[in-house]
Amino acid sequence: MKEDRPYVLRKIGKRVTRKFVVIVCEGSKTEMQYFQGFNERNSGVKVEPLHGKCTDAKNIVAFAERQIERYDLDFDDGDSLWCAFDVDQKGKQEVNDAVAHASAKNILIALSNPCIELWFLLHYKKIPSQISRKDAYDELKKFIRDYDKNSNVFPILKDKIRAAMTHAESLNQGHQRNGVLLLSVDSNPSTQVFKLVKNIRDLIKKNKKT
């Protein structure tokens, strides 16, 4: 069945100034609710989280690629397209192939290693060493007691984003000093969600100045 084409505002012969940040999420609820929280009225930026009903990296990227035409994305004009998924149990070759394919199509990757709960956890504390999905989940529940995969955590975390971004960037710097590829299964602990969040916030800030 052919997907419905989303309503995209236009001027005659020209895109309106609103930018799209389309995010294909591995998770169907928590991640989508989180990213939806970045939509601000009159910001000029539309954050559109989607779930392609797939969990393997190859099909997540393939689903994302189809959104370029669906949303009439113009990367040169400020639109961006992201895949947000976890390393979790994905194999090294699976992740490498997905990253290579995404790069060739100008699709950006917000990879969390091992999982999105690491990004949520970084709002509260530094994570200095490798962590499993289970340990990240259990540790997060110390701060958000009723957390589960249906939770909308954006309202809880929104005032702590600066700390999370600082902690995530520090993890990246450590991996880079050690020659570890960030978009790989070897980068535990790390999350590139902070780059996606920065992309959204920078676009909103830029639009509000114009």
Protein backbone atom coordinates (compact mmCIF):
# COMPACT_ATOMS: atom_id res chain seq x y z
CA MET A 1 0.00 0.00 0.00
CA LYS A 2 1.40 3.36 -1.00
CA GLU A 3 2.19 5.72 1.86
CA ASP A 4 0.14 8.89 2.12
CA ARG A 5 2.15 11.92 1.15
CA PRO A 6 2.40 14.37 4.07
CA TYR A 7 1.01 17.86 3.70
CA VAL A 8 3.94 20.19 2.98
CA LEU A 9 3.30 23.92 2.90
CA ARG A 10 4.67 25.65 -0.20
CA LYS A 11 4.88 28.95 -1.91
CA ILE A 12 4.40 29.06 -5.66
CA GLY A 13 7.55 27.62 -7.21
CA LYS A 14 9.41 27.73 -3.92
CA ARG A 15 9.61 26.02 -0.51
CA VAL A 16 8.46 28.04 2.48
CA THR A 17 11.07 28.87 5.10
CA ARG A 18 10.03 26.03 7.42
CA LYS A 19 12.71 23.36 7.66
CA PHE A 20 12.08 19.67 8.17
CA VAL A 21 14.03 17.44 10.53
CA VAL A 22 12.75 13.94 9.76
CA ILE A 23 13.81 11.26 12.23
CA VAL A 24 13.32 7.55 11.60
CA CYS A 25 13.25 5.92 15.02
CA GLU A 26 13.94 2.29 15.83
CA GLY A 27 11.54 2.44 18.76
CA SER A 28 7.86 3.05 18.14
CA LYS A 29 6.87 5.08 21.19
CA THR A 30 9.42 6.41 23.71
CA GLU A 31 11.83 7.73 21.08
CA MET A 32 9.07 9.22 18.94
CA GLN A 33 7.50 10.99 21.91
CA TYR A 34 10.91 12.29 22.98
CA PHE A 35 11.78 13.81 19.60
CA GLN A 36 8.25 15.14 19.14
CA GLY A 37 8.92 17.25 22.24
CA PHE A 38 11.31 19.46 20.27
CA ASN A 39 8.51 20.88 18.13
CA GLU A 40 8.03 24.52 19.07
CA ARG A 41 5.20 26.69 17.83
CA ASN A 42 6.30 29.29 15.27
CA SER A 43 9.89 27.97 15.32
CA GLY A 44 10.00 27.47 11.54
CA VAL A 45 11.20 23.90 12.15
CA LYS A 46 9.06 20.77 11.88
CA VAL A 47 10.44 17.77 13.75
CA GLU A 48 8.82 14.64 12.30
CA PRO A 49 9.59 11.37 14.13
CA LEU A 50 8.63 8.24 12.20
CA HIS A 51 8.72 4.51 12.87
CA GLY A 52 9.17 2.18 9.93
CA LYS A 53 8.22 -0.98 11.86
CA CYS A 54 11.73 -2.36 11.41
CA THR A 55 14.61 -2.90 13.82
CA ASP A 56 17.48 -4.10 11.62
CA ALA A 57 19.84 -1.30 10.58
CA LYS A 58 19.59 -1.96 6.82
CA ASN A 59 15.81 -1.59 6.70
CA ILE A 60 15.80 1.41 9.04
CA VAL A 61 18.06 3.24 6.59
CA ALA A 62 16.07 1.99 3.59
CA PHE A 63 12.86 3.32 5.15
CA ALA A 64 14.59 6.63 5.86
CA GLU A 65 15.73 6.92 2.26
CA ARG A 66 12.11 6.74 1.07
CA GLN A 67 11.30 9.80 3.16
CA ILE A 68 13.51 12.05 1.00
CA GLU A 69 10.95 12.07 -1.79
CA ARG A 70 7.96 11.72 0.51
CA TYR A 71 8.80 14.95 2.35
CA ASP A 72 10.49 16.62 -0.63
CA LEU A 73 13.58 17.15 1.52
CA ASP A 74 16.15 19.68 0.39
CA PHE A 75 19.38 19.13 2.29
CA ASP A 76 21.01 22.19 0.73
CA ASP A 77 18.13 24.32 2.04
CA GLY A 78 18.49 23.17 5.64
CA ASP A 79 16.33 20.04 5.81
CA SER A 80 17.87 16.99 7.46
CA LEU A 81 17.10 13.30 7.69
CA TRP A 82 18.24 11.16 10.60
CA CYS A 83 18.13 7.52 11.63
CA ALA A 84 18.09 7.01 15.40
CA PHE A 85 18.81 3.45 16.40
CA ASP A 86 20.67 1.37 18.98
CA VAL A 87 23.69 -0.87 18.56
CA ASP A 88 22.24 -3.38 21.06
CA GLN A 89 22.56 -6.84 19.44
CA LYS A 90 23.34 -5.63 15.91
CA GLY A 91 26.38 -7.15 14.24
CA LYS A 92 29.45 -5.18 13.28
CA GLN A 93 28.95 -5.66 9.53
CA GLU A 94 25.25 -4.76 9.79
CA VAL A 95 26.07 -1.43 11.43
CA ASN A 96 28.98 -0.70 9.07
CA ASP A 97 26.87 -1.38 5.96
CA ALA A 98 23.98 0.76 7.24
CA VAL A 99 26.30 3.67 8.06
CA ALA A 100 27.93 3.48 4.61
CA HIS A 101 24.57 3.40 2.81
CA ALA A 102 23.23 6.29 4.89
CA SER A 103 26.31 8.40 4.23
CA ALA A 104 25.96 7.90 0.47
CA LYS A 105 22.37 9.24 0.67
CA ASN A 106 23.14 12.19 3.00
CA ILE A 107 21.25 10.48 5.82
CA LEU A 108 22.66 11.20 9.27
CA ILE A 109 22.96 8.57 12.00
CA ALA A 110 22.15 9.14 15.68
CA LEU A 111 23.58 5.85 16.93
CA SER A 112 23.33 4.95 20.62
CA ASN A 113 25.68 2.33 21.98
CA PRO A 114 24.30 0.27 23.57
CA CYS A 115 20.85 1.94 23.62
CA ILE A 116 18.78 5.13 23.75
CA GLU A 117 18.57 4.77 27.54
CA LEU A 118 22.23 5.80 27.64
CA TRP A 119 21.26 9.19 26.17
CA PHE A 120 18.50 9.60 28.75
CA LEU A 121 20.88 8.55 31.54
CA LEU A 122 23.47 11.14 30.48
CA HIS A 123 21.01 13.85 31.50
CA TYR A 124 21.76 12.83 35.08
CA LYS A 125 25.33 11.52 35.22
CA LYS A 126 28.53 10.68 33.40
CA ILE A 127 29.03 7.11 32.22
CA PRO A 128 32.81 6.51 32.21
CA SER A 129 32.96 2.89 31.10
CA GLN A 130 31.16 0.26 29.04
CA ILE A 131 27.58 -0.43 30.01
CA SER A 132 25.04 -3.05 28.96
CA ARG A 133 21.49 -2.33 27.85
CA LYS A 134 20.14 -3.89 31.05
CA ASP A 135 22.45 -1.87 33.28
CA ALA A 136 21.60 1.37 31.44
CA TYR A 137 17.90 0.62 31.82
CA ASP A 138 18.23 -0.26 35.51
CA GLU A 139 20.37 2.79 36.23
CA LEU A 140 17.90 5.10 34.48
CA LYS A 141 15.08 3.77 36.66
CA LYS A 142 16.94 5.11 39.70
CA PHE A 143 16.21 8.59 38.34
CA ILE A 144 12.91 7.95 36.53
CA ARG A 145 11.27 5.27 38.67
CA ASP A 146 8.33 4.54 36.39
CA TYR A 147 10.40 4.51 33.17
CA ASP A 148 9.43 1.97 30.55
CA LYS A 149 9.33 1.73 26.76
CA ASN A 150 6.06 3.67 26.66
CA SER A 151 7.27 6.59 28.75
CA ASN A 152 7.26 10.17 27.51
CA VAL A 153 10.48 11.38 29.10
CA PHE A 154 10.86 14.68 27.26
CA PRO A 155 9.06 16.80 29.89
CA ILE A 156 11.26 15.23 32.58
CA LEU A 157 14.55 15.68 30.72
CA LYS A 158 14.12 18.94 28.81
CA ASP A 159 15.76 21.11 31.47
CA LYS A 160 18.78 18.80 31.68
CA ILE A 161 19.69 18.67 27.97
CA ARG A 162 22.81 20.81 28.33
CA ALA A 163 24.34 18.35 30.80
CA ALA A 164 23.51 15.40 28.53
CA MET A 165 25.11 17.07 25.53
CA THR A 166 28.26 17.84 27.51
CA HIS A 167 28.52 14.26 28.78
CA ALA A 168 27.87 12.77 25.31
CA GLU A 169 30.44 14.99 23.66
CA SER A 170 32.99 14.06 26.32
CA LEU A 171 32.44 10.37 25.53
CA ASN A 172 33.04 11.08 21.84
CA GLN A 173 36.27 12.89 22.59
CA GLY A 174 37.51 9.94 24.62
CA HIS A 175 36.77 7.47 21.82
CA GLN A 176 38.38 9.72 19.24
CA ARG A 177 41.56 9.97 21.32
CA ASN A 178 41.65 6.16 21.35
CA GLY A 179 40.99 5.85 17.62
CA VAL A 180 37.54 4.27 18.06
CA LEU A 181 34.98 4.81 15.31
CA LEU A 182 31.94 6.52 16.79
CA LEU A 183 29.42 4.94 14.40
CA SER A 184 30.42 1.39 15.22
CA VAL A 185 29.76 -1.43 17.67
CA ASP A 186 33.09 -0.60 19.35
CA SER A 187 32.04 2.79 20.72
CA ASN A 188 30.34 1.68 23.94
CA PRO A 189 29.42 3.91 25.72
CA SER A 190 28.43 6.62 23.27
CA THR A 191 25.41 8.27 21.72
CA GLN A 192 25.19 10.63 18.76
CA VAL A 193 21.69 11.74 19.69
CA PHE A 194 23.25 14.93 21.02
CA LYS A 195 24.22 15.86 17.44
CA LEU A 196 20.62 15.42 16.32
CA VAL A 197 19.39 17.53 19.23
CA LYS A 198 21.99 20.18 18.39
CA ASN A 199 20.84 20.17 14.75
CA ILE A 200 17.24 20.82 15.83
CA ARG A 201 18.11 23.52 18.33
CA ASP A 202 20.49 25.30 15.95
CA LEU A 203 17.82 25.41 13.23
CA ILE A 204 15.23 26.77 15.64
CA LYS A 205 17.67 29.41 16.92
CA LYS A 206 18.63 30.44 13.40
CA ASN A 207 14.98 30.74 12.31
CA LYS A 208 14.07 32.85 15.32
CA LYS A 209 16.80 35.34 14.37
CA THR A 210 15.43 35.83 10.84
